[in-house]
Amino acid sequence: MRVLVATTAGAGHFSPLVPVARACAAAGHEVLVAAPESFRGTVESAGFAHAAFADVQPEVMGQTFSRLPFLSYEQANEVVIADVFGRLDAQAALPGVSDIFDAWKPDLVLRDPCEFASLAVACWSGVAQAMVAIGVSAMTDAVADFVTEPLAELDALAGLTVGSCVAALAGTETVTSVPAILDGEPAGKLHRYRDGAANTPRRGLPDPWGEPDDPLVYVTFGSVAGSQGRFDDLYRRVLEVLADEPVRVLLTTGQGLDPAELGSVPDNAKVERWWAQTDVMPHAGVAVGHGGFGTTMNAIAAGVPQVIMPLFSLDQRLNAEHVEAVGAGLALRLGAEDVGRIPQAVSTLLAGTSHREAAQEVAAQIAQLPPVAQMVPVLEEIAAGGGVPSLSTLSEAPGPS
């Protein structure tokens, strides 16, 4: 079958789709990734063919993002989900995604839960679609709550009866690497898997630094925070508050921030742009992060307790709450304002055994999940079932254009 993987231009949205897409390709299916033109390098570096659709004009996106610093955390997240993903991204992408469907004729759409143009075109075309989770299920539910009005607008643009996209979204089946113990009690049909490749170390740590017998604290704020400018001081502050602690700190900045910009670092710290988490986690006593899906799941799969300090999005806060709820870490809910609490949180996780044991219990449940390759028959069955939603009657409009 032909599998069209549809994603927004975010590494945290695309990365969870990659192992599932690779499993489909390994099973002999054709895979094409539809993503904004700006995301071409990321898609192609992952080894996939890229079919481009339009990015939102920078000045338009800039106007929306300029509002965020003046909003509460909750208001800002609603704007990003409803206005950015639900309206701007989806409406800019719709013509291009429609053209990709016409030219390539996919049998299945495998979606990032925040990419909605492919949902609309799949509804219009009668093509089956499924989602790959990019967080705990509470995040997917929250997204659905915020996009009712934007999806009604998308229905009209796509030539669908209003309510079609919402109905299709409600009936979407999801594949997820989040184990049930961490996921709560989600609605909808879920298929859980483990990505064994994500836990396979390939090399060790960087050259030795600090006191070799001190526990390793791995600190990362993902691939986005370092490129935003407003968090540059955060990296320095984390190094400062941990400088006198009896730990070794490995801090990664991501491609958006040059470690040289941080100047000299404490003797107990090593700073790198990037280091594979699969190589770090087997050595880590504690992971400190912002609750991004990749880091959260890599740490939990390795049985490493976490200090999670959400910075800028709802999924980070939800991930932090779920990790803390199962006892596998501590949530610092004030985000960057909580930097001063990191040393005590790290000390708490290192001093006791309960958090590590809880993390190891979640890791054990992940290890019992079926491998990602077993999601391919699931997706084949979804594709065979077709994609006509309960409100799929087309209006007189000629369809997406």
Protein backbone atom coordinates (compact mmCIF):
# COMPACT_ATOMS: atom_id res chain seq x y z
CA MET A 1 0.00 0.00 0.00
CA ARG A 2 0.96 3.65 -0.30
CA VAL A 3 1.33 5.36 3.06
CA LEU A 4 1.30 9.15 3.14
CA VAL A 5 2.88 10.41 6.36
CA ALA A 6 1.64 13.94 7.07
CA THR A 7 3.37 16.20 9.58
CA THR A 8 3.74 19.77 10.68
CA ALA A 9 7.20 21.34 10.68
CA GLY A 10 8.31 20.30 14.14
CA ALA A 11 10.85 17.69 15.14
CA GLY A 12 8.78 16.76 18.16
CA HIS A 13 5.81 16.09 15.88
CA PHE A 14 7.72 14.23 13.16
CA SER A 15 10.07 12.08 15.25
CA PRO A 16 7.35 9.83 16.72
CA LEU A 17 6.11 9.09 13.18
CA VAL A 18 9.54 8.00 11.97
CA PRO A 19 9.73 4.46 13.49
CA VAL A 20 6.20 3.66 12.33
CA ALA A 21 6.93 4.95 8.83
CA ARG A 22 10.17 2.97 8.71
CA ALA A 23 8.33 -0.17 9.80
CA CYS A 24 5.90 0.33 6.91
CA ALA A 25 8.77 0.77 4.47
CA ALA A 26 10.56 -2.29 5.85
CA ALA A 27 7.38 -4.31 5.23
CA GLY A 28 7.49 -3.36 1.56
CA HIS A 29 5.00 -0.48 1.52
CA GLU A 30 5.67 2.80 -0.26
CA VAL A 31 6.10 5.76 2.10
CA LEU A 32 5.98 9.44 1.21
CA VAL A 33 6.20 12.25 3.77
CA ALA A 34 4.04 15.32 3.20
CA ALA A 35 5.41 18.26 5.15
CA PRO A 36 5.99 22.00 4.76
CA GLU A 37 8.71 23.03 2.34
CA SER A 38 10.74 24.42 5.26
CA PHE A 39 10.92 20.92 6.72
CA ARG A 40 12.49 19.27 3.66
CA GLY A 41 15.95 18.88 5.20
CA THR A 42 14.61 17.10 8.28
CA VAL A 43 12.44 14.73 6.25
CA GLU A 44 15.17 13.83 3.78
CA SER A 45 17.81 13.42 6.49
CA ALA A 46 15.52 10.80 8.05
CA GLY A 47 15.67 8.89 4.77
CA PHE A 48 12.23 9.65 3.31
CA ALA A 49 11.01 11.15 0.07
CA HIS A 50 9.44 14.55 0.70
CA ALA A 51 6.29 15.97 -0.88
CA ALA A 52 6.12 19.66 -0.03
CA PHE A 53 3.15 21.81 0.80
CA ALA A 54 3.11 25.50 1.67
CA ASP A 55 4.37 27.06 4.85
CA VAL A 56 2.38 29.86 6.44
CA GLN A 57 3.75 33.24 5.43
CA PRO A 58 6.30 34.28 8.10
CA GLU A 59 4.71 37.67 8.69
CA VAL A 60 1.31 36.05 9.30
CA MET A 61 2.75 33.49 11.69
CA GLY A 62 4.80 36.20 13.37
CA GLN A 63 1.69 38.23 14.14
CA THR A 64 0.15 35.25 15.92
CA PHE A 65 3.25 34.33 17.89
CA SER A 66 3.78 37.95 18.92
CA ARG A 67 0.61 37.66 21.02
CA LEU A 68 1.82 34.73 23.09
CA PRO A 69 4.05 36.54 25.64
CA PHE A 70 1.03 38.57 26.76
CA LEU A 71 -1.20 35.55 27.35
CA SER A 72 -1.46 33.05 30.17
CA TYR A 73 0.02 29.60 29.69
CA GLU A 74 -3.45 28.18 29.03
CA GLN A 75 -4.45 30.95 26.61
CA ALA A 76 -1.18 30.68 24.70
CA ASN A 77 -1.61 26.95 24.22
CA GLU A 78 -5.15 27.41 22.94
CA VAL A 79 -3.90 29.97 20.42
CA VAL A 80 -1.16 27.65 19.20
CA ILE A 81 -3.46 24.65 18.87
CA ALA A 82 -6.51 26.41 17.45
CA ASP A 83 -5.06 29.30 15.46
CA VAL A 84 -1.64 27.97 14.43
CA PHE A 85 -2.29 24.25 13.88
CA GLY A 86 -6.05 24.33 13.32
CA ARG A 87 -6.26 27.41 11.09
CA LEU A 88 -3.01 28.83 9.73
CA ASP A 89 -1.10 25.60 9.14
CA ALA A 90 -4.11 23.60 7.95
CA GLN A 91 -5.47 26.22 5.58
CA ALA A 92 -2.05 26.99 4.08
CA ALA A 93 -1.40 23.27 3.57
CA LEU A 94 -4.80 22.29 2.12
CA PRO A 95 -4.18 23.04 -1.60
CA GLY A 96 -0.78 21.36 -1.59
CA VAL A 97 -1.96 18.31 0.30
CA SER A 98 -4.86 17.98 -2.14
CA ASP A 99 -2.41 18.05 -5.04
CA ILE A 100 -0.27 15.39 -3.34
CA PHE A 101 -3.34 13.15 -2.96
CA ASP A 102 -4.25 13.64 -6.62
CA ALA A 103 -0.74 12.86 -7.83
CA TRP A 104 0.19 10.01 -5.49
CA LYS A 105 -3.17 8.45 -4.54
CA PRO A 106 -2.34 7.11 -1.07
CA ASP A 107 -4.11 4.14 0.48
CA LEU A 108 -3.56 5.39 4.03
CA VAL A 109 -2.72 8.67 5.73
CA LEU A 110 -0.56 8.42 8.85
CA ARG A 111 -0.92 11.76 10.62
CA ASP A 112 0.75 13.91 13.20
CA PRO A 113 -2.26 14.69 15.47
CA CYS A 114 -1.76 18.42 14.80
CA GLU A 115 -1.68 18.16 10.99
CA PHE A 116 -5.25 18.66 9.80
CA ALA A 117 -5.11 19.33 6.06
CA SER A 118 -4.50 15.63 5.42
CA LEU A 119 -7.47 14.80 7.65
CA ALA A 120 -9.75 16.98 5.49
CA VAL A 121 -8.45 15.65 2.19
CA ALA A 122 -8.66 12.06 3.45
CA CYS A 123 -12.30 12.67 4.37
CA TRP A 124 -13.05 14.16 0.97
CA SER A 125 -11.22 11.36 -0.84
CA GLY A 126 -12.55 8.47 1.25
CA VAL A 127 -9.01 7.45 2.22
CA ALA A 128 -8.42 5.89 5.63
CA GLN A 129 -6.33 7.81 8.14
CA ALA A 130 -4.68 7.04 11.47
CA MET A 131 -2.65 9.04 13.96
CA VAL A 132 0.69 8.47 15.65
CA ALA A 133 0.64 9.87 19.19
CA ILE A 134 3.12 12.61 20.00
CA GLY A 135 2.32 12.59 23.71
CA VAL A 136 0.01 11.12 26.29
CA SER A 137 -3.57 10.69 25.14
CA ALA A 138 -4.71 13.64 27.24
CA MET A 139 -2.81 15.82 24.77
CA THR A 140 -4.69 14.40 21.79
CA ASP A 141 -7.95 14.94 23.65
CA ALA A 142 -7.01 18.55 24.43
CA VAL A 143 -6.18 19.21 20.78
CA ALA A 144 -9.59 17.87 19.74
CA ASP A 145 -11.31 20.15 22.26
CA PHE A 146 -9.64 23.27 20.84
CA VAL A 147 -10.10 22.70 17.10
CA THR A 148 -13.85 22.31 16.64
CA GLU A 149 -14.31 25.76 15.10
CA PRO A 150 -11.12 25.69 12.99
CA LEU A 151 -12.08 22.27 11.61
CA ALA A 152 -15.54 23.57 10.67
CA GLU A 153 -13.77 26.27 8.63
CA LEU A 154 -11.55 23.60 7.09
CA ASP A 155 -14.62 21.52 6.19
CA ALA A 156 -16.02 24.45 4.23
CA LEU A 157 -12.74 25.04 2.40
CA ALA A 158 -12.42 21.34 1.58
CA GLY A 159 -15.98 20.99 0.27
CA LEU A 160 -17.13 18.83 3.17
CA THR A 161 -20.28 18.98 5.21
CA VAL A 162 -19.49 20.94 8.36
CA GLY A 163 -18.71 18.46 11.13
CA SER A 164 -17.00 15.94 8.87
CA CYS A 165 -13.47 16.54 10.16
CA VAL A 166 -14.58 16.51 13.79
CA ALA A 167 -16.44 13.24 13.21
CA ALA A 168 -13.42 11.71 11.49
CA LEU A 169 -11.14 12.90 14.26
CA ALA A 170 -13.36 11.29 16.90
CA GLY A 171 -13.20 7.95 15.08
CA THR A 172 -9.48 8.02 14.36
CA GLU A 173 -7.43 5.05 15.53
CA THR A 174 -4.07 5.86 17.10
CA VAL A 175 -0.79 4.03 17.42
CA THR A 176 1.25 5.08 20.44
CA SER A 177 4.46 4.21 22.22
CA VAL A 178 3.05 5.39 25.56
CA PRO A 179 2.32 2.45 27.89
CA ALA A 180 -1.07 2.21 29.56
CA ILE A 181 0.39 2.85 33.02
CA LEU A 182 1.53 6.30 31.88
CA ASP A 183 -1.44 7.11 29.69
CA GLY A 184 -4.35 7.13 32.12
CA GLU A 185 -7.74 6.12 30.74
CA PRO A 186 -7.96 7.57 27.23
CA ALA A 187 -10.97 7.43 24.97
CA GLY A 188 -10.72 6.04 21.46
CA LYS A 189 -9.01 3.02 20.00
CA LEU A 190 -5.29 2.75 20.72
CA HIS A 191 -2.62 0.35 19.50
CA ARG A 192 0.49 0.37 21.68
CA TYR A 193 4.00 -0.53 20.57
CA ARG A 194 7.62 -0.22 21.58
CA ASP A 195 10.42 1.12 19.44
CA GLY A 196 13.34 -1.15 20.27
CA ALA A 197 15.77 0.86 18.17
CA ALA A 198 15.19 3.84 20.46
CA ASN A 199 16.84 1.95 23.33
CA THR A 200 19.92 0.66 21.52
CA PRO A 201 23.16 2.48 22.52
CA ARG A 202 25.65 3.07 19.72
CA ARG A 203 28.51 4.80 21.51
CA GLY A 204 29.35 5.96 25.00
CA LEU A 205 29.54 9.35 26.67
CA PRO A 206 31.75 12.27 25.65
CA ASP A 207 35.35 12.39 26.88
CA PRO A 208 35.54 12.21 30.69
CA TRP A 209 34.85 15.30 32.78
CA GLY A 210 34.22 16.11 36.42
CA GLU A 211 34.49 13.54 39.21
CA PRO A 212 34.07 10.13 37.56
CA ASP A 213 32.28 8.62 40.56
CA ASP A 214 29.64 11.36 40.77
CA PRO A 215 26.21 10.48 39.34
CA LEU A 216 25.39 11.76 35.87
CA VAL A 217 22.62 14.32 35.46
CA TYR A 218 21.55 14.63 31.85
CA VAL A 219 19.94 17.99 30.97
CA THR A 220 18.18 18.77 27.72
CA PHE A 221 15.40 21.11 26.65
CA GLY A 222 14.89 19.57 23.23
CA SER A 223 15.39 20.90 19.75
CA VAL A 224 13.21 24.02 19.93
CA ALA A 225 14.00 25.93 23.13
CA GLY A 226 17.59 26.73 22.12
CA SER A 227 16.46 28.39 18.90
CA GLN A 228 13.89 30.67 20.52
CA GLY A 229 16.28 33.16 22.06
CA ARG A 230 14.16 33.73 25.14
CA PHE A 231 15.57 30.61 26.83
CA ASP A 232 19.29 31.31 26.28
CA ASP A 233 19.73 32.37 29.90
CA LEU A 234 18.01 29.20 31.10
CA TYR A 235 20.95 27.03 30.05
CA ARG A 236 23.42 29.20 31.96
CA ARG A 237 21.22 29.26 35.05
CA VAL A 238 20.89 25.46 35.10
CA LEU A 239 24.67 25.09 34.94
CA GLU A 240 25.05 27.63 37.74
CA VAL A 241 22.57 26.03 40.14
CA LEU A 242 24.14 22.59 39.65
CA ALA A 243 27.75 23.81 39.74
CA ASP A 244 28.28 23.04 43.43
CA GLU A 245 26.30 19.80 43.48
CA PRO A 246 28.14 16.42 43.70
CA VAL A 247 27.07 15.43 40.18
CA ARG A 248 28.38 15.41 36.65
CA VAL A 249 26.18 17.42 34.27
CA LEU A 250 25.84 16.70 30.57
CA LEU A 251 23.87 19.53 28.97
CA THR A 252 22.82 19.50 25.31
CA THR A 253 21.67 22.71 23.62
CA GLY A 254 20.31 21.48 20.28
CA GLN A 255 21.19 22.93 16.91
CA GLY A 256 19.61 26.30 17.71
CA LEU A 257 22.19 27.33 20.32
CA ASP A 258 25.96 27.17 19.98
CA PRO A 259 27.51 25.92 23.24
CA ALA A 260 30.23 28.56 22.79
CA GLU A 261 27.60 31.22 23.48
CA LEU A 262 27.38 29.96 27.06
CA GLY A 263 31.01 30.89 27.74
CA SER A 264 32.97 28.99 30.36
CA VAL A 265 31.14 26.18 32.12
CA PRO A 266 31.58 24.75 35.63
CA ASP A 267 34.12 22.00 36.12
CA ASN A 268 31.38 19.43 36.74
CA ALA A 269 29.66 20.15 33.42
CA LYS A 270 30.05 19.19 29.79
CA VAL A 271 28.04 21.00 27.09
CA GLU A 272 27.34 19.55 23.65
CA ARG A 273 25.01 20.61 20.86
CA TRP A 274 23.69 17.07 20.63
CA TRP A 275 24.41 13.61 22.00
CA ALA A 276 22.27 10.58 21.28
CA GLN A 277 19.95 9.99 24.22
CA THR A 278 20.20 6.25 23.70
CA ASP A 279 23.91 6.59 24.56
CA VAL A 280 23.32 8.82 27.58
CA MET A 281 20.38 7.21 29.35
CA PRO A 282 22.12 3.95 30.39
CA HIS A 283 24.58 6.09 32.38
CA ALA A 284 22.19 8.73 33.76
CA GLY A 285 21.13 8.91 37.38
CA VAL A 286 18.56 11.61 36.62
CA ALA A 287 17.28 13.33 33.49
CA VAL A 288 16.26 16.99 33.61
CA GLY A 289 14.09 18.26 30.76
CA HIS A 290 11.10 20.25 29.64
CA GLY A 291 8.70 17.35 29.11
CA GLY A 292 9.20 16.94 25.39
CA PHE A 293 7.86 13.62 24.18
CA GLY A 294 11.15 12.22 22.90
CA THR A 295 13.17 12.89 26.03
CA THR A 296 10.35 11.90 28.36
CA MET A 297 9.87 8.55 26.66
CA ASN A 298 13.58 7.83 26.20
CA ALA A 299 14.20 8.41 29.90
CA ILE A 300 11.20 6.42 31.06
CA ALA A 301 12.05 3.52 28.72
CA ALA A 302 15.52 3.42 30.27
CA GLY A 303 14.11 3.48 33.82
CA VAL A 304 15.65 6.89 34.55
CA PRO A 305 13.75 9.19 36.96
CA GLN A 306 13.10 12.70 35.68
CA VAL A 307 12.83 16.30 36.78
CA ILE A 308 10.43 17.88 34.29
CA MET A 309 10.15 21.65 33.94
CA PRO A 310 7.55 22.46 31.25
CA LEU A 311 8.52 25.54 29.24
CA PHE A 312 6.06 26.44 26.53
CA SER A 313 3.43 23.89 25.50
CA LEU A 314 0.55 21.91 26.90
CA ASP A 315 1.99 18.51 26.05
CA GLN A 316 5.03 19.24 28.21
CA ARG A 317 2.87 20.00 31.21
CA LEU A 318 0.75 16.89 30.65
CA ASN A 319 3.81 14.68 30.28
CA ALA A 320 5.22 16.11 33.52
CA GLU A 321 1.98 15.49 35.37
CA HIS A 322 1.70 11.90 34.15
CA VAL A 323 5.33 11.07 35.00
CA GLU A 324 4.92 12.52 38.49
CA ALA A 325 1.58 10.75 38.97
CA VAL A 326 3.18 7.32 38.50
CA GLY A 327 6.03 8.27 40.83
CA ALA A 328 8.72 8.24 38.13
CA GLY A 329 9.80 11.85 38.58
CA LEU A 330 9.07 15.34 39.84
CA ALA A 331 7.25 18.15 38.02
CA LEU A 332 8.39 21.77 38.42
CA ARG A 333 5.21 23.41 37.23
CA LEU A 334 6.40 27.02 37.10
CA GLY A 335 8.73 26.25 34.22
CA ALA A 336 11.83 28.44 33.92
CA GLU A 337 10.88 30.20 37.14
CA ASP A 338 11.59 26.94 38.96
CA VAL A 339 15.26 26.65 37.97
CA GLY A 340 16.31 27.24 41.56
CA ARG A 341 14.42 24.11 42.63
CA ILE A 342 16.35 21.81 40.28
CA PRO A 343 19.19 20.95 42.73
CA GLN A 344 16.79 19.83 45.46
CA ALA A 345 14.70 17.86 42.97
CA VAL A 346 17.79 16.14 41.59
CA SER A 347 19.02 15.38 45.11
CA THR A 348 15.64 13.88 46.03
CA LEU A 349 15.64 11.58 43.01
CA LEU A 350 19.24 10.50 43.57
CA ALA A 351 18.89 9.97 47.33
CA GLY A 352 15.99 7.53 47.31
CA THR A 353 14.98 4.47 45.35
CA SER A 354 11.22 4.89 44.97
CA HIS A 355 11.31 7.15 41.91
CA ARG A 356 13.83 4.96 40.11
CA GLU A 357 11.82 1.86 40.94
CA ALA A 358 8.67 3.53 39.58
CA ALA A 359 10.51 4.51 36.40
CA GLN A 360 11.79 0.98 36.04
CA GLU A 361 8.27 -0.39 36.44
CA VAL A 362 7.09 1.80 33.55
CA ALA A 363 10.15 0.70 31.55
CA ALA A 364 9.23 -2.94 32.21
CA GLN A 365 5.74 -2.35 30.84
CA ILE A 366 7.18 -0.67 27.75
CA ALA A 367 9.45 -3.67 27.21
CA GLN A 368 6.39 -5.94 27.17
CA LEU A 369 4.68 -4.01 24.37
CA PRO A 370 4.76 -5.47 20.85
CA PRO A 371 7.50 -4.18 18.55
CA VAL A 372 6.68 -1.37 16.16
CA ALA A 373 6.73 -3.82 13.24
CA GLN A 374 3.47 -5.27 14.56
CA MET A 375 1.76 -1.95 13.89
CA VAL A 376 2.03 -2.58 10.15
CA PRO A 377 -0.76 -5.23 10.05
CA VAL A 378 -2.87 -2.88 12.18
CA LEU A 379 -2.38 -0.08 9.66
CA GLU A 380 -3.06 -2.45 6.76
CA GLU A 381 -6.38 -3.34 8.36
CA ILE A 382 -7.25 0.33 8.88
CA ALA A 383 -6.42 1.05 5.25
CA ALA A 384 -8.57 -1.84 4.08
CA GLY A 385 -11.49 -0.49 6.09
CA GLY A 386 -11.64 2.72 4.07
CA GLY A 387 -11.87 6.25 5.33
CA VAL A 388 -15.44 7.52 4.91
CA PRO A 389 -16.50 9.27 8.16
CA SER A 390 -20.00 9.39 9.54
CA LEU A 391 -20.55 12.89 8.17
CA SER A 392 -18.86 12.44 4.82
CA THR A 393 -21.56 13.70 2.48
CA LEU A 394 -19.96 16.29 0.24
CA SER A 395 -21.44 19.70 -0.30
CA GLU A 396 -21.76 21.17 -3.77
CA ALA A 397 -18.23 22.54 -3.50
CA PRO A 398 -15.77 20.82 -5.86
CA GLY A 399 -13.43 19.70 -3.09
CA PRO A 400 -10.08 20.99 -1.84
CA SER A 401 -8.37 23.54 -4.03
